[in-house]
Every structure is written in C-alpha cells, then in structure tokens.
Amino acid sequence: MRAGLLLLNDHPQRWDARSPCLSHDITQPRPCGKAPWPIHPCGRLLPRSHETTVSMRVLLSTIGSRGDVQPLVALGLELKELGQDVRMCVPPDFRGWIEGLGIAVIPIGPELRSAAQPQAAGAVPTPEQRRQMMEGTVTAQFDTIAVAAEGCDLILGATALQIAAPSIAEKLGIPYVFAAFCPAVLPSPHHAPPVLAMLGDAPALATTEYGKLWDQDARRWNEMWASLLNVHRAGLGLASIADVRRHVLTERPWLAADPILAPWPEPGDPAVFQTGAWVLADERPLAAELEAFLNAGDPPVYFGFGSMQVAEGLGETLVASARAFGRRAIVSRGWAGLSLPEDEPDCLTIGEVNQQALFRRVAAVVHHGGAGTTTAAARAGAPQVIIPQRYDQHYFAARVRHLGIGVAHAPGEPSADSLMRALEQALEPEMAARARAFAPSVRSDGAQVAARRLLACVPSSSTGGLER
C-alpha cells in the first residue's frame, strides 16, 4: 500500500490553545469595513508596522483534496501579505499551483488524484489493507512534517488526519493550531460526528443522543490511531497519549467556516474560535468557450463533484435532469473525469474553473457538498442541490435545506428521476430569491482574521521581538 492514500475524510508542555493570546475577540471589522486591526493579547491596538516588520515562519499542513488545500492557500497568502514566511506540507498534486503563488511546498505522500478515478473505485479495503495504509500515512507524516517544520515558529494543521503534526510541534516546543472547515468535525452534543464511508458509516438519524455517538467516535480514534501514534511519540521521547482525538483536535480548535452558513452550535463557546471561511480570492477570467456558452442562452445548471468518485455514465443522467426543465448543463469533469456521451449544443464539459465567477451566472449548482463548493455557491446566491457522499457533506446538505437556499438529495448515486425532483425545488423562484438574499451575509474575511490571530500566538523570542 502507498503511504498517504488513507483519507478518512474520504481526503507535559504541549501548547494549550486556550492561552491568553487567543482569548480576545479580534473578529470585528473596522469602521471602514476592512478586516480587523491586529490586537495585542492585552487588548491594545498594535501599531500598523506590526503587520509588516514582524516575521515568523509558519507551516500549514493538510492531507486531502483541493477542498482541504485551497483554504490553507488563502491563509498562506494572507500571512505573506503580513510579511510572514509561509511553507505548506500538502499532497504533490498541488505543488506546482502553490509554488506558482510564491509559497514553498514540501510534498507529503503520493498523488491523490488517481484515487478518484472510476477504475480506482473498488471494494472497501480489508482490515489488513487498512492497517497497512494507516501505518504508511502515520510514518509518512512523522517523517515529512518533522523536516518541513524545521525552523518554524508555529504549525497549523487542517483536517482530522493530522496525526503527527501536534506531536512534532510539541517536540519542537512551538504552538500548534488545529483548524476544521466544518462544525461537524468537532465534538458537540448538537450534531453527529462526520460520516466515514470507508468504515461503513451511514448518516446518523436526528436524535438527542449525539453524545453517545461522540463517545463511540472517541473510542474509534483510540482504537485506530493510539498505538501507531504512541510508537512514534516514544521515538521522539514524548509521553503516550490516552485521548487521540483530543490530542489531534486540541483543546481549543479553530473553525474556518462561515458563522451564518455553518455556525458553531453554541454561540460564545470559548472552546471553539470561529474565524469565518478561508476564501481564496479568484480573479481568473472564464475561458472563452465557457463565456460563449453562458452568453448563448438562459443560465444553465452546473454539475460538479470535485474529487469524489462517481459512477461511469453519470454525465448522461445529469444532462437529462437539466433538459427536463429546458435548461442547459455545464458538467465539471472533476477528478473522476466525468464526460458526456455526445457533443450537443445544450451541454458543456469543463475543467478547473473560477467558481466565484461562474456560480453567479448559473441557475443552480448541483454538487457533492464540500465546504468550499457550498460556501462558493452560497456567496454567489445560487440555489444548490447537494448529493452528499461522506464526511462533512451530509452536514452541509442539511444546512442548505434548513436555510432554504438548497435541496438535500439522498446520499448515494442519483437517478434521473431523483435529480429532477431535486432540481424542481431548486429552480423554484422562491428558492432562488432566498439564495440571492442570503448571499450578502456570507463573509469573505475569514483568512484575514485567522492570519492576524496567528501573529498573536507566537512568543516574542520566536518572532524577533514581537511586543507582548
């Protein structure tokens, strides 16, 4: 088994995130509407020069698909704007893109895109295969992140597969911050744990017993990861960890999700710091062929499933559902290589695209429910149909349904009939109006808020004299 292919999100002195540097709210915008001024931990306004004269080296680490990596790119660029040195530890699929933006990359594990191809979709791994994958990914993380973190002042890890990063930070004596992109990743009595499809999970029914599900989740974390983690910690001279989930998620995780679209269910809870979503500004123009298609008729329906595996022949089903309402279709090929059976003037396949520009010009967005796509569609004011497959996608499907800005399709492969029923609701004028009205409430400054907060987390000895 190749190290790094295990994507459960299907992708004594340890620093305590409740330290004083995290205890003050700096999320409120300035009167001019710009992102907040940097605030001293004691509440004083830091001088403007703080943003450019203080330099620290930050490692941003994740293992996952584009939806896991792009928010960290947004944060990294904000940190660079503030004069900080940033490096990223991500799968090699994204190295060229990120280095082109001026951020150093240390690749971890193999390329992940091949895992989404239809031919790679097979049976659920056997217990022995899963054990080998787990051993491989933990070893790769400890080996790679230890090298990537050399000389760094802080590590920020995103997504729940960050098994090694907190231990590396502890060994180096530097702060560690964990960030989730969805509330469902973090334990709460108000929602269920994420759905781990690889392990046979099914979405939990609405219940008042979420606490029991989270207890089971904690036990599974320990059963899966404790022995592997503690072997490597012993090799670093670190004490064993009894609660792996608490170790990885930390005692005060950050929530990089929009507070209206995906709010933490306990407002004012000091245990979670919600920054807002980390949105990467995209100024790329749409391709000429796409522009011509958009201009040739009424707004089409967009279909895209990101890095998800999909059944062969799904493209024909998608186009048929749009045609049932006299709508044209744009189909994103995604990592699965979706294609259309015929070249017709009412449908178009596309590759990587500026979603921020495209989604403002479509009638509806049909997608898998990833945090990034859900946020982009909400910001654009486009009605959504979410067909969740795994992990946090079920949460976002439920949220758009609750907010009245989209439809939660049943999990699994859609049929032409099921998609038509969902699209019928999404294309109603009332839902389109609600989606447009909701769009202005979605914030875009989350990465700025997070970048400034990170500056307050590093001791002065690590940053060359930052006033404390």
Protein backbone atom coordinates (compact mmCIF):
# COMPACT_ATOMS: atom_id res chain seq x y z
CA MET A 1 0.00 0.00 0.00
CA ARG A 2 1.25 3.51 -0.77
CA ALA A 3 1.57 5.85 2.18
CA GLY A 4 -0.92 8.68 2.29
CA LEU A 5 -3.90 7.20 0.49
CA LEU A 6 -5.88 6.75 3.69
CA LEU A 7 -8.32 9.67 3.67
CA LEU A 8 -10.86 9.18 6.40
CA ASN A 9 -12.42 12.46 5.43
CA ASP A 10 -12.66 10.45 2.26
CA HIS A 11 -9.48 13.28 1.90
CA PRO A 12 3.75 17.73 29.78
CA GLN A 13 4.40 21.15 27.84
CA ARG A 14 2.22 20.82 24.83
CA TRP A 15 0.92 24.23 23.86
CA ASP A 16 -2.58 24.91 25.09
CA ALA A 17 -4.67 26.76 22.51
CA ARG A 18 -6.57 28.45 25.33
CA SER A 19 -3.53 30.60 26.09
CA PRO A 20 -4.05 34.35 26.63
CA CYS A 21 -3.04 35.12 23.06
CA LEU A 22 -6.30 33.53 21.90
CA SER A 23 -8.64 34.96 24.48
CA HIS A 24 -9.58 38.28 22.87
CA ASP A 25 -12.00 38.80 20.01
CA ILE A 26 -10.38 40.47 17.02
CA THR A 27 -13.01 39.41 14.51
CA GLN A 28 -14.97 42.65 14.37
CA PRO A 29 -14.42 44.71 11.22
CA ARG A 30 -13.06 48.22 11.38
CA PRO A 31 -15.46 51.13 10.75
CA CYS A 32 -14.14 51.41 7.21
CA GLY A 33 -15.32 47.86 6.55
CA LYS A 34 -11.84 46.39 6.23
CA ALA A 35 -10.60 43.39 8.19
CA PRO A 36 -9.86 43.93 11.88
CA TRP A 37 -6.78 45.68 13.17
CA PRO A 38 -4.25 43.41 14.86
CA ILE A 39 -4.84 43.40 18.61
CA HIS A 40 -2.32 42.88 21.38
CA PRO A 41 -3.24 39.99 23.69
CA CYS A 42 -3.91 42.50 26.45
CA GLY A 43 -6.38 44.35 24.26
CA ARG A 44 -4.16 47.20 22.99
CA LEU A 45 -4.14 48.16 19.33
CA LEU A 46 -0.86 47.03 17.80
CA PRO A 47 0.99 49.55 15.62
CA ARG A 48 0.39 49.23 11.91
CA SER A 49 4.06 48.34 11.44
CA HIS A 50 3.33 45.06 13.24
CA GLU A 51 1.80 43.70 10.07
CA THR A 52 4.98 44.01 8.02
CA THR A 53 8.00 44.20 10.34
CA VAL A 54 7.42 41.09 12.44
CA SER A 55 8.36 37.92 10.63
CA MET A 56 7.70 34.37 11.67
CA ARG A 57 7.82 31.11 9.78
CA VAL A 58 4.55 29.19 9.66
CA LEU A 59 3.97 25.64 8.44
CA LEU A 60 0.49 24.95 7.08
CA SER A 61 -0.21 21.23 6.84
CA THR A 62 -3.04 19.14 5.40
CA ILE A 63 -3.61 15.83 3.65
CA GLY A 64 -6.59 15.93 1.34
CA SER A 65 -8.09 17.14 -1.90
CA ARG A 66 -8.42 20.64 -3.37
CA GLY A 67 -11.17 21.49 -0.88
CA ASP A 68 -8.77 20.82 2.00
CA VAL A 69 -5.80 22.59 0.45
CA GLN A 70 -7.31 25.76 -1.03
CA PRO A 71 -8.39 27.32 2.30
CA LEU A 72 -4.81 26.92 3.55
CA VAL A 73 -3.57 28.66 0.40
CA ALA A 74 -5.91 31.56 1.22
CA LEU A 75 -4.48 31.72 4.74
CA GLY A 76 -0.92 31.43 3.48
CA LEU A 77 -1.33 34.36 1.09
CA GLU A 78 -2.80 36.49 3.88
CA LEU A 79 0.17 35.65 6.08
CA LYS A 80 2.56 36.59 3.27
CA GLU A 81 0.72 39.91 2.90
CA LEU A 82 1.51 40.49 6.58
CA GLY A 83 5.19 39.86 5.93
CA GLN A 84 5.38 36.30 7.25
CA ASP A 85 7.34 33.34 5.87
CA VAL A 86 4.99 30.52 4.88
CA ARG A 87 5.56 26.96 3.79
CA MET A 88 2.99 24.26 3.11
CA CYS A 89 3.03 20.50 3.55
CA VAL A 90 0.41 19.10 1.13
CA PRO A 91 -0.03 16.26 -1.37
CA PRO A 92 2.13 16.60 -4.50
CA ASP A 93 -0.95 17.15 -6.70
CA PHE A 94 -0.91 20.83 -5.67
CA ARG A 95 2.80 21.62 -5.65
CA GLY A 96 3.03 23.42 -8.99
CA TRP A 97 -0.04 25.56 -8.35
CA ILE A 98 1.04 26.65 -4.87
CA GLU A 99 4.68 27.28 -5.75
CA GLY A 100 3.41 29.44 -8.60
CA LEU A 101 1.81 31.64 -5.94
CA GLY A 102 5.16 32.10 -4.19
CA ILE A 103 4.66 29.64 -1.31
CA ALA A 104 7.20 26.89 -0.67
CA VAL A 105 5.81 23.35 -0.72
CA ILE A 106 7.04 20.18 0.95
CA PRO A 107 5.01 17.36 -0.68
CA ILE A 108 3.67 14.58 1.51
CA GLY A 109 2.59 11.14 0.32
CA PRO A 110 1.65 10.13 -3.22
CA GLU A 111 -0.56 11.95 -5.67
CA LEU A 112 -4.19 11.56 -4.65
CA ARG A 113 -5.99 12.31 -7.88
CA SER A 114 -5.66 8.75 -9.18
CA ALA A 115 -7.69 7.51 -6.20
CA ALA A 116 -10.76 9.33 -7.55
CA GLN A 117 -10.68 7.72 -10.98
CA PRO A 118 -13.55 5.29 -11.69
CA GLN A 119 -11.12 2.42 -12.21
CA ALA A 120 -9.74 3.00 -8.72
CA ALA A 121 -13.14 2.62 -7.14
CA GLY A 122 -13.32 -0.87 -5.73
CA ALA A 123 -14.37 -2.76 -2.67
CA VAL A 124 -13.90 -1.36 0.80
CA PRO A 125 -10.32 -2.14 1.95
CA THR A 126 -9.85 -5.24 4.06
CA PRO A 127 -8.79 -4.76 7.70
CA GLU A 128 -5.23 -5.73 6.77
CA GLN A 129 -5.12 -3.29 3.85
CA ARG A 130 -6.49 -0.57 6.08
CA ARG A 131 -3.85 -1.32 8.74
CA GLN A 132 -1.08 -1.03 6.14
CA MET A 133 -2.47 2.27 4.87
CA MET A 134 -2.70 3.64 8.39
CA GLU A 135 0.86 2.64 9.21
CA GLY A 136 2.05 4.17 5.96
CA THR A 137 0.31 7.51 6.42
CA VAL A 138 1.41 7.93 10.06
CA THR A 139 5.03 7.13 9.21
CA ALA A 140 4.97 9.46 6.21
CA GLN A 141 3.52 12.26 8.34
CA PHE A 142 6.12 11.97 11.11
CA ASP A 143 8.98 11.77 8.61
CA THR A 144 7.79 14.55 6.31
CA ILE A 145 6.31 17.06 8.74
CA ALA A 146 9.37 16.84 11.02
CA VAL A 147 11.53 18.00 8.11
CA ALA A 148 9.01 20.59 6.91
CA ALA A 149 8.72 22.12 10.39
CA GLU A 150 12.45 22.74 10.87
CA GLY A 151 12.95 26.39 11.78
CA CYS A 152 9.22 27.09 12.05
CA ASP A 153 7.62 29.15 14.80
CA LEU A 154 4.14 27.61 14.53
CA ILE A 155 2.31 24.73 12.86
CA LEU A 156 -1.29 24.93 11.75
CA GLY A 157 -2.89 21.65 10.73
CA ALA A 158 -6.20 21.29 8.95
CA THR A 159 -8.46 18.26 8.56
CA ALA A 160 -8.63 15.43 11.06
CA LEU A 161 -5.89 13.27 9.58
CA GLN A 162 -3.19 15.42 11.21
CA ILE A 163 -1.95 12.58 13.41
CA ALA A 164 1.71 13.66 13.56
CA ALA A 165 1.63 17.48 13.44
CA PRO A 166 0.73 18.16 17.10
CA SER A 167 3.47 15.84 18.31
CA ILE A 168 6.06 17.45 16.02
CA ALA A 169 5.06 20.87 17.38
CA GLU A 170 5.32 19.58 20.94
CA LYS A 171 8.80 18.19 20.30
CA LEU A 172 9.93 21.49 18.79
CA GLY A 173 8.32 23.49 21.61
CA ILE A 174 6.24 25.63 19.24
CA PRO A 175 2.49 26.37 19.16
CA TYR A 176 0.12 24.11 17.27
CA VAL A 177 -3.30 25.16 15.96
CA PHE A 178 -5.88 22.76 14.53
CA ALA A 179 -8.47 24.08 12.09
CA ALA A 180 -11.66 22.39 10.91
CA PHE A 181 -13.66 23.51 7.87
CA CYS A 182 -17.00 22.24 9.20
CA PRO A 183 -18.61 22.23 12.66
CA ALA A 184 -19.40 18.51 12.35
CA VAL A 185 -15.70 17.68 12.60
CA LEU A 186 -15.68 18.93 16.21
CA PRO A 187 -17.46 17.16 19.08
CA SER A 188 -20.76 18.69 20.18
CA PRO A 189 -23.98 17.34 21.70
CA HIS A 190 -25.83 19.28 18.99
CA HIS A 191 -24.68 17.32 15.92
CA ALA A 192 -23.41 13.91 14.84
CA PRO A 193 -19.79 13.02 14.04
CA PRO A 194 -18.66 13.05 10.40
CA VAL A 195 -19.59 10.10 8.21
CA LEU A 196 -16.59 7.85 7.49
CA ALA A 197 -17.79 5.98 4.42
CA MET A 198 -14.61 3.91 4.23
CA LEU A 199 -15.53 2.37 7.57
CA GLY A 200 -19.11 1.68 6.55
CA ASP A 201 -20.70 4.63 8.35
CA ALA A 202 -24.18 5.82 7.43
CA PRO A 203 -25.58 9.26 8.25
CA ALA A 204 -27.00 9.40 11.78
CA LEU A 205 -30.69 9.98 12.26
CA ALA A 206 -31.75 13.14 14.06
CA THR A 207 -31.53 12.35 17.74
CA THR A 208 -30.91 13.83 21.16
CA GLU A 209 -28.25 11.18 21.81
CA TYR A 210 -25.39 12.66 19.83
CA GLY A 211 -23.24 12.46 22.95
CA LYS A 212 -23.23 8.65 22.71
CA LEU A 213 -22.15 8.85 19.08
CA TRP A 214 -19.27 11.11 20.01
CA ASP A 215 -18.23 8.69 22.78
CA GLN A 216 -18.12 5.93 20.17
CA ASP A 217 -16.17 8.24 17.89
CA ALA A 218 -13.56 8.88 20.60
CA ARG A 219 -13.13 5.14 21.17
CA ARG A 220 -12.67 4.59 17.45
CA TRP A 221 -9.99 7.27 17.28
CA ASN A 222 -8.08 5.44 20.01
CA GLU A 223 -8.58 2.00 18.50
CA MET A 224 -7.36 3.16 15.11
CA TRP A 225 -4.54 5.53 15.95
CA ALA A 226 -3.34 5.29 19.56
CA SER A 227 -0.78 2.51 19.17
CA LEU A 228 0.64 3.94 15.93
CA LEU A 229 0.81 7.46 17.35
CA ASN A 230 2.43 6.43 20.62
CA VAL A 231 5.13 4.36 18.95
CA HIS A 232 6.29 7.45 17.10
CA ARG A 233 5.91 9.67 20.17
CA ALA A 234 8.10 7.27 22.16
CA GLY A 235 10.72 7.58 19.41
CA LEU A 236 10.65 11.36 19.97
CA GLY A 237 10.92 10.97 23.75
CA LEU A 238 7.33 12.14 24.28
CA ALA A 239 4.78 10.72 26.68
CA SER A 240 1.96 8.47 25.46
CA ILE A 241 -1.41 9.96 24.53
CA ALA A 242 -4.55 8.43 26.03
CA ASP A 243 -7.12 10.51 24.11
CA VAL A 244 -6.07 10.70 20.47
CA ARG A 245 -8.99 12.80 19.27
CA ARG A 246 -8.41 15.46 21.90
CA HIS A 247 -4.70 15.43 21.06
CA VAL A 248 -5.30 15.94 17.32
CA LEU A 249 -8.19 18.41 17.52
CA THR A 250 -6.64 20.24 20.51
CA GLU A 251 -8.48 21.76 23.44
CA ARG A 252 -9.44 24.89 21.52
CA PRO A 253 -9.72 24.19 17.80
CA TRP A 254 -10.38 26.83 15.19
CA LEU A 255 -13.44 26.62 12.95
CA ALA A 256 -12.77 28.02 9.48
CA ALA A 257 -16.41 28.11 8.36
CA ASP A 258 -18.86 30.92 7.81
CA PRO A 259 -20.70 31.75 11.05
CA ILE A 260 -24.07 32.08 9.28
CA LEU A 261 -23.81 29.23 6.79
CA ALA A 262 -22.10 26.82 9.22
CA PRO A 263 -22.24 28.26 12.76
CA TRP A 264 -20.80 26.63 15.83
CA PRO A 265 -23.98 25.50 17.63
CA GLU A 266 -23.04 27.08 20.95
CA PRO A 267 -22.60 30.85 20.40
CA GLY A 268 -19.95 32.35 22.62
CA ASP A 269 -18.42 28.96 23.43
CA PRO A 270 -14.80 29.72 24.43
CA ALA A 271 -13.74 26.20 23.41
CA VAL A 272 -14.01 26.95 19.67
CA PHE A 273 -12.72 30.01 17.80
CA GLN A 274 -14.71 30.56 14.59
CA THR A 275 -12.80 32.69 12.10
CA GLY A 276 -15.12 32.55 9.13
CA ALA A 277 -14.36 30.59 5.94
CA TRP A 278 -10.90 30.94 4.40
CA VAL A 279 -11.84 32.08 0.91
CA LEU A 280 -9.18 32.36 -1.78
CA ALA A 281 -9.95 35.35 -3.99
CA ASP A 282 -10.14 34.22 -7.61
CA GLU A 283 -9.71 36.76 -10.39
CA ARG A 284 -9.18 34.31 -13.24
CA PRO A 285 -11.34 35.03 -16.30
CA LEU A 286 -13.67 32.35 -17.58
CA ALA A 287 -12.49 30.52 -20.68
CA ALA A 288 -13.71 31.92 -23.99
CA GLU A 289 -15.65 28.73 -24.76
CA LEU A 290 -17.42 28.91 -21.39
CA GLU A 291 -18.19 32.60 -21.83
CA ALA A 292 -19.70 31.91 -25.24
CA PHE A 293 -21.81 29.08 -23.83
CA LEU A 294 -23.11 31.24 -20.97
CA ASN A 295 -23.98 34.07 -23.35
CA ALA A 296 -25.81 31.80 -25.77
CA GLY A 297 -28.93 31.27 -23.66
CA ASP A 298 -30.58 31.26 -20.26
CA PRO A 299 -28.49 30.43 -17.17
CA PRO A 300 -27.59 26.72 -17.21
CA VAL A 301 -27.37 24.23 -14.35
CA TYR A 302 -23.86 23.47 -13.07
CA PHE A 303 -22.93 19.91 -12.06
CA GLY A 304 -19.67 19.14 -10.28
CA PHE A 305 -18.42 16.61 -7.75
CA GLY A 306 -14.86 17.74 -7.07
CA SER A 307 -12.57 14.90 -6.02
CA MET A 308 -15.40 12.40 -5.47
CA GLN A 309 -15.55 9.02 -7.16
CA VAL A 310 -18.63 8.77 -9.36
CA ALA A 311 -20.25 6.05 -11.43
CA GLU A 312 -19.45 5.86 -15.11
CA GLY A 313 -22.27 7.22 -17.22
CA LEU A 314 -23.37 9.74 -14.58
CA GLY A 315 -22.88 12.61 -17.04
CA GLU A 316 -25.81 11.45 -19.16
CA THR A 317 -28.06 11.37 -16.07
CA LEU A 318 -27.03 14.90 -15.11
CA VAL A 319 -27.75 16.36 -18.53
CA ALA A 320 -31.11 14.58 -18.76
CA SER A 321 -32.25 16.10 -15.47
CA ALA A 322 -31.44 19.62 -16.69
CA ARG A 323 -33.12 19.05 -20.06
CA ALA A 324 -36.31 18.02 -18.26
CA PHE A 325 -36.68 21.70 -17.26
CA GLY A 326 -35.50 23.15 -20.55
CA ARG A 327 -32.13 24.00 -19.01
CA ARG A 328 -28.68 23.66 -20.47
CA ALA A 329 -25.95 21.92 -18.46
CA ILE A 330 -22.35 22.60 -17.52
CA VAL A 331 -20.58 19.48 -16.25
CA SER A 332 -17.28 19.74 -14.40
CA ARG A 333 -15.05 16.78 -15.19
CA GLY A 334 -13.54 16.74 -11.70
CA TRP A 335 -11.05 14.15 -10.52
CA ALA A 336 -13.32 11.34 -11.71
CA GLY A 337 -13.14 12.55 -15.31
CA LEU A 338 -16.87 12.99 -15.87
CA SER A 339 -17.75 13.07 -19.55
CA LEU A 340 -20.81 13.46 -21.76
CA PRO A 341 -21.90 10.82 -24.25
CA GLU A 342 -22.43 13.23 -27.11
CA ASP A 343 -21.46 16.68 -28.28
CA GLU A 344 -24.68 18.69 -28.08
CA PRO A 345 -25.10 22.48 -28.07
CA ASP A 346 -27.04 22.44 -24.79
CA CYS A 347 -24.24 20.96 -22.66
CA LEU A 348 -20.58 21.67 -21.99
CA THR A 349 -17.86 19.87 -20.03
CA ILE A 350 -15.24 21.98 -18.28
CA GLY A 351 -12.13 21.54 -16.17
CA GLU A 352 -10.82 23.67 -13.31
CA VAL A 353 -12.80 26.92 -13.19
CA ASN A 354 -13.27 30.13 -11.24
CA GLN A 355 -16.35 29.07 -9.26
CA GLN A 356 -16.78 32.54 -7.81
CA ALA A 357 -17.35 33.97 -11.30
CA LEU A 358 -19.25 31.02 -12.76
CA PHE A 359 -21.72 30.41 -9.94
CA ARG A 360 -23.11 33.94 -10.23
CA ARG A 361 -24.24 33.07 -13.75
CA VAL A 362 -25.94 29.69 -13.31
CA ALA A 363 -29.50 28.74 -12.39
CA ALA A 364 -28.44 26.18 -9.79
CA VAL A 365 -25.35 24.37 -8.51
CA VAL A 366 -25.57 20.58 -8.13
CA HIS A 367 -22.62 19.22 -6.18
CA HIS A 368 -21.27 16.86 -3.51
CA GLY A 369 -21.47 19.24 -0.56
CA GLY A 370 -17.82 20.02 0.10
CA ALA A 371 -17.24 23.00 2.38
CA GLY A 372 -15.60 25.09 -0.34
CA THR A 373 -18.20 24.49 -3.05
CA THR A 374 -21.09 25.02 -0.62
CA THR A 375 -19.60 28.32 0.54
CA ALA A 376 -18.86 29.46 -3.02
CA ALA A 377 -22.43 28.75 -4.17
CA ALA A 378 -23.88 30.48 -1.10
CA ARG A 379 -21.69 33.57 -1.69
CA ALA A 380 -22.81 33.63 -5.33
CA GLY A 381 -26.50 33.46 -4.43
CA ALA A 382 -27.07 30.28 -6.44
CA PRO A 383 -29.63 27.68 -5.30
CA GLN A 384 -27.97 24.35 -4.50
CA VAL A 385 -28.69 20.65 -4.76
CA ILE A 386 -26.29 18.70 -2.57
CA ILE A 387 -25.79 14.97 -3.10
CA PRO A 388 -23.65 14.04 -0.09
CA GLN A 389 -21.32 11.06 -0.14
CA ARG A 390 -19.20 11.18 3.01
CA TYR A 391 -17.65 13.04 5.90
CA ASP A 392 -18.94 16.62 6.36
CA GLN A 393 -21.01 16.69 3.16
CA HIS A 394 -24.11 15.42 4.99
CA TYR A 395 -23.83 18.37 7.38
CA PHE A 396 -23.77 20.91 4.55
CA ALA A 397 -26.68 19.23 2.79
CA ALA A 398 -28.74 19.58 5.95
CA ARG A 399 -27.67 23.22 6.38
CA VAL A 400 -28.70 24.42 2.91
CA ARG A 401 -32.04 22.66 3.37
CA HIS A 402 -32.51 24.28 6.80
CA LEU A 403 -31.65 27.73 5.43
CA GLY A 404 -33.99 27.29 2.47
CA ILE A 405 -31.22 28.00 -0.06
CA GLY A 406 -30.95 24.49 -1.45
CA VAL A 407 -32.10 20.89 -1.55
CA ALA A 408 -30.59 17.92 0.28
CA HIS A 409 -30.66 15.00 -2.12
CA ALA A 410 -30.49 11.50 -0.65
CA PRO A 411 -26.92 10.15 -0.28
CA GLY A 412 -25.53 7.91 -2.97
CA GLU A 413 -25.76 7.82 -6.74
CA PRO A 414 -28.62 9.94 -8.12
CA SER A 415 -31.07 8.76 -10.74
CA ALA A 416 -32.58 10.95 -13.43
CA ASP A 417 -35.89 10.94 -11.53
CA SER A 418 -34.37 11.81 -8.15
CA LEU A 419 -32.34 14.63 -9.68
CA MET A 420 -35.38 16.01 -11.47
CA ARG A 421 -37.34 16.11 -8.21
CA ALA A 422 -34.50 17.94 -6.51
CA LEU A 423 -33.97 20.37 -9.36
CA GLU A 424 -37.69 21.11 -9.50
CA GLN A 425 -37.42 22.51 -5.97
CA ALA A 426 -34.10 24.28 -6.52
CA LEU A 427 -35.33 26.09 -9.62
CA GLU A 428 -38.45 27.48 -7.96
CA PRO A 429 -38.39 31.29 -7.95
CA GLU A 430 -38.88 31.38 -4.18
CA MET A 431 -35.74 29.34 -3.52
CA ALA A 432 -33.72 31.38 -5.99
CA ALA A 433 -34.85 34.56 -4.22
CA ARG A 434 -33.85 33.17 -0.81
CA ALA A 435 -30.42 32.16 -2.15
CA ARG A 436 -29.84 35.65 -3.57
CA ALA A 437 -30.95 37.29 -0.33
CA PHE A 438 -28.66 35.04 1.71
CA ALA A 439 -25.51 35.72 -0.33
CA PRO A 440 -24.51 39.08 1.25
CA SER A 441 -24.44 37.52 4.72
CA VAL A 442 -21.55 35.17 3.83
CA ARG A 443 -18.29 36.73 4.97
CA SER A 444 -15.06 36.62 2.96
CA ASP A 445 -12.55 37.85 5.55
CA GLY A 446 -12.00 34.62 7.49
CA ALA A 447 -8.43 34.12 6.27
CA GLN A 448 -7.55 37.68 7.27
CA VAL A 449 -8.99 37.14 10.75
CA ALA A 450 -7.07 33.88 11.13
CA ALA A 451 -3.79 35.32 9.87
CA ARG A 452 -3.87 38.18 12.35
CA ARG A 453 -4.81 35.87 15.18
CA LEU A 454 -1.85 33.62 14.38
CA LEU A 455 0.51 36.56 14.82
CA ALA A 456 -0.58 36.74 18.45
CA CYS A 457 0.21 33.08 19.10
CA VAL A 458 3.99 33.06 18.83
CA PRO A 459 6.27 34.12 21.72
CA SER A 460 8.47 37.15 21.12
CA SER A 461 11.61 35.02 21.25
CA SER A 462 10.44 33.24 18.09
CA THR A 463 9.43 36.33 16.12
CA GLY A 464 12.34 38.64 16.71
CA GLY A 465 10.81 40.88 19.31
CA LEU A 466 7.07 40.97 18.87
CA GLU A 467 5.76 43.10 21.72
CA ARG A 468 3.90 41.10 24.33
